[in-house]
Amino acid sequence: MRTTLTIDDDLAKALHEESRRTGRPFKEVVNEAVRRGLMAGAAPAKRPRRFRVHARPCGFRPGIDIKRLNQLVDELEIDHAAVVARRDR
């Protein structure tokens, strides 16, 4: 069947290069590329393996007092508020 088809420049260049490289007619290269593209989409995609995260206890580094973490957060918020206040003056 004869038809008119508009192909993007980069694809046309690649098809022409494949035709020259293999010595096959342009028409044959286009038909094969379209056929391969259609067949690739025909098979349902395989379901990827389920990704699992395995948790492991890491603990805190020596010297970190976990009871004082809230105090550290409070101090960081106060420091941040002071920097913002100075910047806004």
C-alpha atoms as a PDB file:
ATOM      1  CA  MET A   1       0.000   0.000   0.000  1.00  0.00           C
ATOM      2  CA  ARG A   2       1.292   3.403  -0.894  1.00  0.00           C
ATOM      3  CA  THR A   3       0.772   6.287   1.548  1.00  0.00           C
ATOM      4  CA  THR A   4       2.265   9.624   2.534  1.00  0.00           C
ATOM      5  CA  LEU A   5       3.879   9.740   5.929  1.00  0.00           C
ATOM      6  CA  THR A   6       5.444  12.709   7.739  1.00  0.00           C
ATOM      7  CA  ILE A   7       8.480  11.631   9.752  1.00  0.00           C
ATOM      8  CA  ASP A   8      10.451  13.819  12.148  1.00  0.00           C
ATOM      9  CA  ASP A   9      13.834  14.893  10.780  1.00  0.00           C
ATOM     10  CA  ASP A  10      15.854  12.988  13.377  1.00  0.00           C
ATOM     11  CA  LEU A  11      13.954   9.753  12.677  1.00  0.00           C
ATOM     12  CA  ALA A  12      14.252  10.172   8.918  1.00  0.00           C
ATOM     13  CA  LYS A  13      18.003  10.670   9.294  1.00  0.00           C
ATOM     14  CA  ALA A  14      18.329   7.530  11.435  1.00  0.00           C
ATOM     15  CA  LEU A  15      16.241   5.498   8.978  1.00  0.00           C
ATOM     16  CA  HIS A  16      18.300   6.681   6.000  1.00  0.00           C
ATOM     17  CA  GLU A  17      21.528   5.892   7.864  1.00  0.00           C
ATOM     18  CA  GLU A  18      20.249   2.382   8.661  1.00  0.00           C
ATOM     19  CA  SER A  19      19.284   1.928   5.017  1.00  0.00           C
ATOM     20  CA  ARG A  20      22.767   2.934   3.845  1.00  0.00           C
ATOM     21  CA  ARG A  21      24.505   0.886   6.537  1.00  0.00           C
ATOM     22  CA  THR A  22      22.626  -2.323   5.757  1.00  0.00           C
ATOM     23  CA  GLY A  23      22.221  -1.781   2.019  1.00  0.00           C
ATOM     24  CA  ARG A  24      18.486  -2.420   2.274  1.00  0.00           C
ATOM     25  CA  PRO A  25      15.821  -0.232   0.677  1.00  0.00           C
ATOM     26  CA  PHE A  26      14.486   2.660   2.747  1.00  0.00           C
ATOM     27  CA  LYS A  27      10.948   1.239   2.479  1.00  0.00           C
ATOM     28  CA  GLU A  28      12.086  -2.062   4.000  1.00  0.00           C
ATOM     29  CA  VAL A  29      13.883  -0.352   6.877  1.00  0.00           C
ATOM     30  CA  VAL A  30      10.819   1.787   7.682  1.00  0.00           C
ATOM     31  CA  ASN A  31       8.473  -1.217   7.560  1.00  0.00           C
ATOM     32  CA  GLU A  32      10.739  -3.231   9.852  1.00  0.00           C
ATOM     33  CA  ALA A  33      11.069  -0.367  12.342  1.00  0.00           C
ATOM     34  CA  VAL A  34       7.305   0.195  12.468  1.00  0.00           C
ATOM     35  CA  ARG A  35       6.659  -3.542  12.769  1.00  0.00           C
ATOM     36  CA  ARG A  36       9.169  -3.886  15.645  1.00  0.00           C
ATOM     37  CA  GLY A  37       7.661  -0.865  17.377  1.00  0.00           C
ATOM     38  CA  LEU A  38       4.153  -2.248  17.147  1.00  0.00           C
ATOM     39  CA  MET A  39       5.180  -5.697  18.330  1.00  0.00           C
ATOM     40  CA  ALA A  40       7.076  -4.291  21.311  1.00  0.00           C
ATOM     41  CA  GLY A  41       3.887  -2.683  22.597  1.00  0.00           C
ATOM     42  CA  ALA A  42       1.781  -5.788  21.980  1.00  0.00           C
ATOM     43  CA  ALA A  43       3.080  -7.827  24.913  1.00  0.00           C
ATOM     44  CA  PRO A  44       1.852  -6.763  28.331  1.00  0.00           C
ATOM     45  CA  ALA A  45       4.543  -5.251  30.458  1.00  0.00           C
ATOM     46  CA  LYS A  46       5.963  -7.527  33.111  1.00  0.00           C
ATOM     47  CA  ARG A  47       5.072  -6.557  36.602  1.00  0.00           C
ATOM     48  CA  PRO A  48       8.218  -5.367  38.380  1.00  0.00           C
ATOM     49  CA  ARG A  49       9.395  -7.245  41.429  1.00  0.00           C
ATOM     50  CA  ARG A  50       8.092  -5.802  44.638  1.00  0.00           C
ATOM     51  CA  PHE A  51      10.594  -3.551  46.333  1.00  0.00           C
ATOM     52  CA  ARG A  52      11.036  -4.224  50.029  1.00  0.00           C
ATOM     53  CA  VAL A  53      12.896  -2.216  52.611  1.00  0.00           C
ATOM     54  CA  HIS A  54      14.398  -4.229  55.399  1.00  0.00           C
ATOM     55  CA  ALA A  55      14.716  -2.124  58.521  1.00  0.00           C
ATOM     56  CA  ARG A  56      17.605  -2.614  60.868  1.00  0.00           C
ATOM     57  CA  PRO A  57      18.416  -0.854  64.100  1.00  0.00           C
ATOM     58  CA  CYS A  58      21.099   1.753  63.630  1.00  0.00           C
ATOM     59  CA  GLY A  59      20.998   3.491  66.952  1.00  0.00           C
ATOM     60  CA  PHE A  60      22.554   6.839  67.684  1.00  0.00           C
ATOM     61  CA  ARG A  61      26.228   7.649  67.695  1.00  0.00           C
ATOM     62  CA  PRO A  62      27.983   7.527  71.034  1.00  0.00           C
ATOM     63  CA  GLY A  63      27.605  10.809  72.877  1.00  0.00           C
ATOM     64  CA  ILE A  64      24.145  11.643  71.457  1.00  0.00           C
ATOM     65  CA  ASP A  65      21.649  11.990  74.268  1.00  0.00           C
ATOM     66  CA  ILE A  66      18.290  11.106  72.729  1.00  0.00           C
ATOM     67  CA  LYS A  67      16.498  12.712  75.677  1.00  0.00           C
ATOM     68  CA  ARG A  68      17.896  16.102  74.652  1.00  0.00           C
ATOM     69  CA  LEU A  69      16.861  16.015  70.974  1.00  0.00           C
ATOM     70  CA  ASN A  70      13.746  18.128  71.625  1.00  0.00           C
ATOM     71  CA  GLN A  71      15.933  20.707  73.356  1.00  0.00           C
ATOM     72  CA  LEU A  72      18.216  20.776  70.310  1.00  0.00           C
ATOM     73  CA  VAL A  73      15.230  21.323  67.985  1.00  0.00           C
ATOM     74  CA  ASP A  74      14.019  24.188  70.175  1.00  0.00           C
ATOM     75  CA  GLU A  75      17.453  25.813  70.115  1.00  0.00           C
ATOM     76  CA  LEU A  76      17.682  25.505  66.334  1.00  0.00           C
ATOM     77  CA  GLU A  77      14.241  27.094  65.925  1.00  0.00           C
ATOM     78  CA  ILE A  78      15.241  30.002  68.179  1.00  0.00           C
ATOM     79  CA  ASP A  79      18.475  30.510  66.205  1.00  0.00           C
ATOM     80  CA  HIS A  80      16.545  30.420  62.916  1.00  0.00           C
ATOM     81  CA  ALA A  81      13.981  32.944  64.202  1.00  0.00           C
ATOM     82  CA  ALA A  82      16.817  35.280  65.242  1.00  0.00           C
ATOM     83  CA  VAL A  83      18.445  35.068  61.804  1.00  0.00           C
ATOM     84  CA  VAL A  84      15.112  35.796  60.080  1.00  0.00           C
ATOM     85  CA  ALA A  85      14.440  38.738  62.411  1.00  0.00           C
ATOM     86  CA  ARG A  86      17.860  40.273  61.685  1.00  0.00           C
ATOM     87  CA  ARG A  87      17.371  39.790  57.956  1.00  0.00           C
ATOM     88  CA  ASP A  88      13.936  41.457  57.977  1.00  0.00           C
ATOM     89  CA  ARG A  89      15.156  44.648  59.686  1.00  0.00           C
END
